[in-house]
Amino acid sequence: MKIPVAEAEDAYRYQSVALAAVHAVGGAGVAINERCQVGGDIRECKLALRRMDEITEQADEDLAGVPVPASMSEIARELRASIDLFRRAARLDLRGRETDDAALLEQAAALTEQGSAGFEQIVAMLQDLIR
């Protein structure tokens, strides 16, 4: 899919903000993986999970401030859904660790996988736009 000339400026701006959101949320996910290892410091893990919540909120705010070109509406929907999956996963993971509830931790892991798959799809769609 190609971007119509009339949407080029907004598309470039949205793409930049979208990639920044993917990078920030993805980086927070890496931090969670590093800090929430079995036997690790639970305080550091909880801080990383809370930080994911902050980062997803910031990503939503950043995206809300940029118009979505019609050619990128599918990307925008997928991005918001994936960010929400990561937010929900972090919240469930935190609750699961606080209450020692393995089922919540499993749900959080499943949501994280879905969010990651969404991010992979978003990156592929963005790359397709610039080819």
C-alpha atoms as a PDB file:
ATOM      1  CA  MET A   1       0.000   0.000   0.000  1.00  0.00           C
ATOM      2  CA  LYS A   2       1.269   3.450  -0.858  1.00  0.00           C
ATOM      3  CA  ILE A   3       0.570   6.692   0.980  1.00  0.00           C
ATOM      4  CA  PRO A   4      -1.400   9.273  -1.025  1.00  0.00           C
ATOM      5  CA  VAL A   5       0.608  12.462  -1.601  1.00  0.00           C
ATOM      6  CA  ALA A   6      -2.026  14.531   0.222  1.00  0.00           C
ATOM      7  CA  GLU A   7      -1.442  12.438   3.389  1.00  0.00           C
ATOM      8  CA  ALA A   8       2.347  12.299   3.232  1.00  0.00           C
ATOM      9  CA  GLU A   9       3.106  14.871   5.939  1.00  0.00           C
ATOM     10  CA  ASP A  10       0.577  13.471   8.428  1.00  0.00           C
ATOM     11  CA  ALA A  11       1.649   9.919   7.567  1.00  0.00           C
ATOM     12  CA  TYR A  12       5.289  10.706   8.266  1.00  0.00           C
ATOM     13  CA  ARG A  13       4.400  12.344  11.589  1.00  0.00           C
ATOM     14  CA  TYR A  14       2.137   9.462  12.614  1.00  0.00           C
ATOM     15  CA  GLN A  15       4.712   6.873  11.574  1.00  0.00           C
ATOM     16  CA  SER A  16       7.352   8.589  13.702  1.00  0.00           C
ATOM     17  CA  VAL A  17       5.120   8.676  16.777  1.00  0.00           C
ATOM     18  CA  ALA A  18       3.941   5.105  16.182  1.00  0.00           C
ATOM     19  CA  LEU A  19       7.485   3.761  15.932  1.00  0.00           C
ATOM     20  CA  ALA A  20       8.476   5.683  19.063  1.00  0.00           C
ATOM     21  CA  ALA A  21       5.539   4.083  20.908  1.00  0.00           C
ATOM     22  CA  VAL A  22       6.503   0.597  19.717  1.00  0.00           C
ATOM     23  CA  HIS A  23      10.090   1.223  20.778  1.00  0.00           C
ATOM     24  CA  ALA A  24       9.147   2.577  24.225  1.00  0.00           C
ATOM     25  CA  VAL A  25       6.638  -0.157  25.031  1.00  0.00           C
ATOM     26  CA  GLY A  26       8.924  -2.840  23.624  1.00  0.00           C
ATOM     27  CA  GLY A  27      11.800  -1.524  25.731  1.00  0.00           C
ATOM     28  CA  ALA A  28       9.611  -1.626  28.824  1.00  0.00           C
ATOM     29  CA  GLY A  29       8.791  -5.234  27.961  1.00  0.00           C
ATOM     30  CA  VAL A  30      12.484  -6.082  27.793  1.00  0.00           C
ATOM     31  CA  ALA A  31      12.977  -4.466  31.200  1.00  0.00           C
ATOM     32  CA  ILE A  32      10.163  -6.601  32.616  1.00  0.00           C
ATOM     33  CA  ASN A  33      11.730  -9.754  31.179  1.00  0.00           C
ATOM     34  CA  GLU A  34      15.082  -8.844  32.712  1.00  0.00           C
ATOM     35  CA  ARG A  35      13.769  -7.811  36.123  1.00  0.00           C
ATOM     36  CA  CYS A  36      11.036 -10.387  36.630  1.00  0.00           C
ATOM     37  CA  GLN A  37      13.131 -13.533  36.396  1.00  0.00           C
ATOM     38  CA  VAL A  38      12.479 -16.331  38.872  1.00  0.00           C
ATOM     39  CA  GLY A  39      14.501 -15.618  41.980  1.00  0.00           C
ATOM     40  CA  GLY A  40      15.023 -11.972  41.036  1.00  0.00           C
ATOM     41  CA  ASP A  41      14.379  -8.868  43.092  1.00  0.00           C
ATOM     42  CA  ILE A  42      10.590  -8.607  43.346  1.00  0.00           C
ATOM     43  CA  ARG A  43      10.783  -4.856  44.028  1.00  0.00           C
ATOM     44  CA  GLU A  44      12.636  -4.271  40.763  1.00  0.00           C
ATOM     45  CA  CYS A  45      10.116  -6.458  38.966  1.00  0.00           C
ATOM     46  CA  LYS A  46       7.176  -4.515  40.367  1.00  0.00           C
ATOM     47  CA  LEU A  47       8.829  -1.216  39.439  1.00  0.00           C
ATOM     48  CA  ALA A  48       9.270  -2.440  35.867  1.00  0.00           C
ATOM     49  CA  LEU A  49       5.620  -3.519  35.703  1.00  0.00           C
ATOM     50  CA  ARG A  50       4.452  -0.143  37.017  1.00  0.00           C
ATOM     51  CA  ARG A  51       6.757   1.597  34.540  1.00  0.00           C
ATOM     52  CA  MET A  52       5.051  -0.289  31.686  1.00  0.00           C
ATOM     53  CA  ASP A  53       1.757   1.192  32.838  1.00  0.00           C
ATOM     54  CA  GLU A  54       3.255   4.696  32.732  1.00  0.00           C
ATOM     55  CA  ILE A  55       4.849   4.131  29.332  1.00  0.00           C
ATOM     56  CA  THR A  56       1.641   2.804  27.776  1.00  0.00           C
ATOM     57  CA  GLU A  57      -0.282   5.801  29.120  1.00  0.00           C
ATOM     58  CA  GLN A  58       2.337   8.148  27.635  1.00  0.00           C
ATOM     59  CA  ALA A  59       2.221   6.321  24.304  1.00  0.00           C
ATOM     60  CA  ASP A  60      -1.569   6.746  24.219  1.00  0.00           C
ATOM     61  CA  GLU A  61      -1.222  10.455  24.953  1.00  0.00           C
ATOM     62  CA  ASP A  62       1.426  10.892  22.270  1.00  0.00           C
ATOM     63  CA  LEU A  63      -0.671   9.072  19.686  1.00  0.00           C
ATOM     64  CA  ALA A  64      -3.772  11.073  20.584  1.00  0.00           C
ATOM     65  CA  GLY A  65      -1.909  14.252  19.652  1.00  0.00           C
ATOM     66  CA  VAL A  66      -1.222  13.173  16.068  1.00  0.00           C
ATOM     67  CA  PRO A  67      -3.824  12.956  13.291  1.00  0.00           C
ATOM     68  CA  VAL A  68      -4.215   9.507  11.751  1.00  0.00           C
ATOM     69  CA  PRO A  69      -4.185   9.560   7.953  1.00  0.00           C
ATOM     70  CA  ALA A  70      -6.866   7.387   6.354  1.00  0.00           C
ATOM     71  CA  SER A  71      -4.167   5.185   4.822  1.00  0.00           C
ATOM     72  CA  MET A  72      -2.906   4.342   8.315  1.00  0.00           C
ATOM     73  CA  SER A  73      -6.196   3.757  10.141  1.00  0.00           C
ATOM     74  CA  GLU A  74      -5.660  -0.022  10.324  1.00  0.00           C
ATOM     75  CA  ILE A  75      -2.188   0.512  11.777  1.00  0.00           C
ATOM     76  CA  ALA A  76      -3.587   2.964  14.326  1.00  0.00           C
ATOM     77  CA  ARG A  77      -6.268   0.504  15.472  1.00  0.00           C
ATOM     78  CA  GLU A  78      -3.763  -2.335  15.795  1.00  0.00           C
ATOM     79  CA  LEU A  79      -1.292  -0.114  17.639  1.00  0.00           C
ATOM     80  CA  ARG A  80      -3.822   1.065  20.213  1.00  0.00           C
ATOM     81  CA  ALA A  81      -5.058  -2.499  20.733  1.00  0.00           C
ATOM     82  CA  SER A  82      -1.504  -3.807  21.190  1.00  0.00           C
ATOM     83  CA  ILE A  83      -0.582  -1.049  23.624  1.00  0.00           C
ATOM     84  CA  ASP A  84      -3.704  -1.883  25.617  1.00  0.00           C
ATOM     85  CA  LEU A  85      -2.718  -5.565  25.671  1.00  0.00           C
ATOM     86  CA  PHE A  86       0.685  -4.684  27.130  1.00  0.00           C
ATOM     87  CA  ARG A  87      -0.939  -2.396  29.723  1.00  0.00           C
ATOM     88  CA  ARG A  88      -3.416  -5.075  30.776  1.00  0.00           C
ATOM     89  CA  ALA A  89      -0.660  -7.703  30.872  1.00  0.00           C
ATOM     90  CA  ALA A  90       1.492  -5.576  33.175  1.00  0.00           C
ATOM     91  CA  ARG A  91      -1.426  -4.900  35.509  1.00  0.00           C
ATOM     92  CA  LEU A  92      -2.390  -8.580  35.650  1.00  0.00           C
ATOM     93  CA  ASP A  93       1.227  -9.605  36.157  1.00  0.00           C
ATOM     94  CA  LEU A  94       1.584  -7.161  39.041  1.00  0.00           C
ATOM     95  CA  ARG A  95      -1.623  -8.403  40.670  1.00  0.00           C
ATOM     96  CA  GLY A  96      -0.543 -12.000  40.144  1.00  0.00           C
ATOM     97  CA  ARG A  97       2.783 -11.383  41.847  1.00  0.00           C
ATOM     98  CA  GLU A  98       1.175  -9.469  44.709  1.00  0.00           C
ATOM     99  CA  THR A  99      -1.383 -12.221  45.348  1.00  0.00           C
ATOM    100  CA  ASP A 100       0.768 -15.171  44.272  1.00  0.00           C
ATOM    101  CA  ASP A 101      -1.874 -16.104  41.665  1.00  0.00           C
ATOM    102  CA  ALA A 102      -0.399 -18.288  38.918  1.00  0.00           C
ATOM    103  CA  ALA A 103      -3.543 -17.993  36.782  1.00  0.00           C
ATOM    104  CA  LEU A 104      -3.153 -14.211  36.586  1.00  0.00           C
ATOM    105  CA  LEU A 105       0.495 -14.626  35.623  1.00  0.00           C
ATOM    106  CA  GLU A 106      -0.514 -17.025  32.839  1.00  0.00           C
ATOM    107  CA  GLN A 107      -3.150 -14.574  31.588  1.00  0.00           C
ATOM    108  CA  ALA A 108      -0.553 -11.797  31.642  1.00  0.00           C
ATOM    109  CA  ALA A 109       1.861 -13.919  29.620  1.00  0.00           C
ATOM    110  CA  ALA A 110      -0.833 -14.662  27.034  1.00  0.00           C
ATOM    111  CA  LEU A 111      -1.700 -10.953  26.698  1.00  0.00           C
ATOM    112  CA  THR A 112       1.983 -10.108  26.316  1.00  0.00           C
ATOM    113  CA  GLU A 113       2.280 -12.632  23.485  1.00  0.00           C
ATOM    114  CA  GLN A 114      -0.745 -11.106  21.756  1.00  0.00           C
ATOM    115  CA  GLY A 115       0.679  -7.605  22.153  1.00  0.00           C
ATOM    116  CA  SER A 116       4.023  -8.720  20.747  1.00  0.00           C
ATOM    117  CA  ALA A 117       2.326 -10.315  17.747  1.00  0.00           C
ATOM    118  CA  GLY A 118       0.433  -7.068  17.192  1.00  0.00           C
ATOM    119  CA  PHE A 119       3.656  -5.062  17.300  1.00  0.00           C
ATOM    120  CA  GLU A 120       5.243  -7.399  14.743  1.00  0.00           C
ATOM    121  CA  GLN A 121       2.258  -6.845  12.468  1.00  0.00           C
ATOM    122  CA  ILE A 122       2.441  -3.062  12.943  1.00  0.00           C
ATOM    123  CA  VAL A 123       6.127  -2.925  12.061  1.00  0.00           C
ATOM    124  CA  ALA A 124       5.481  -5.033   8.953  1.00  0.00           C
ATOM    125  CA  MET A 125       2.624  -2.733   7.882  1.00  0.00           C
ATOM    126  CA  LEU A 126       4.749   0.379   8.442  1.00  0.00           C
ATOM    127  CA  GLN A 127       7.595  -1.127   6.429  1.00  0.00           C
ATOM    128  CA  ASP A 128       5.149  -1.977   3.655  1.00  0.00           C
ATOM    129  CA  LEU A 129       4.107   1.679   3.478  1.00  0.00           C
ATOM    130  CA  ILE A 130       7.629   2.910   2.801  1.00  0.00           C
ATOM    131  CA  ARG A 131       8.517   0.357   0.132  1.00  0.00           C
END
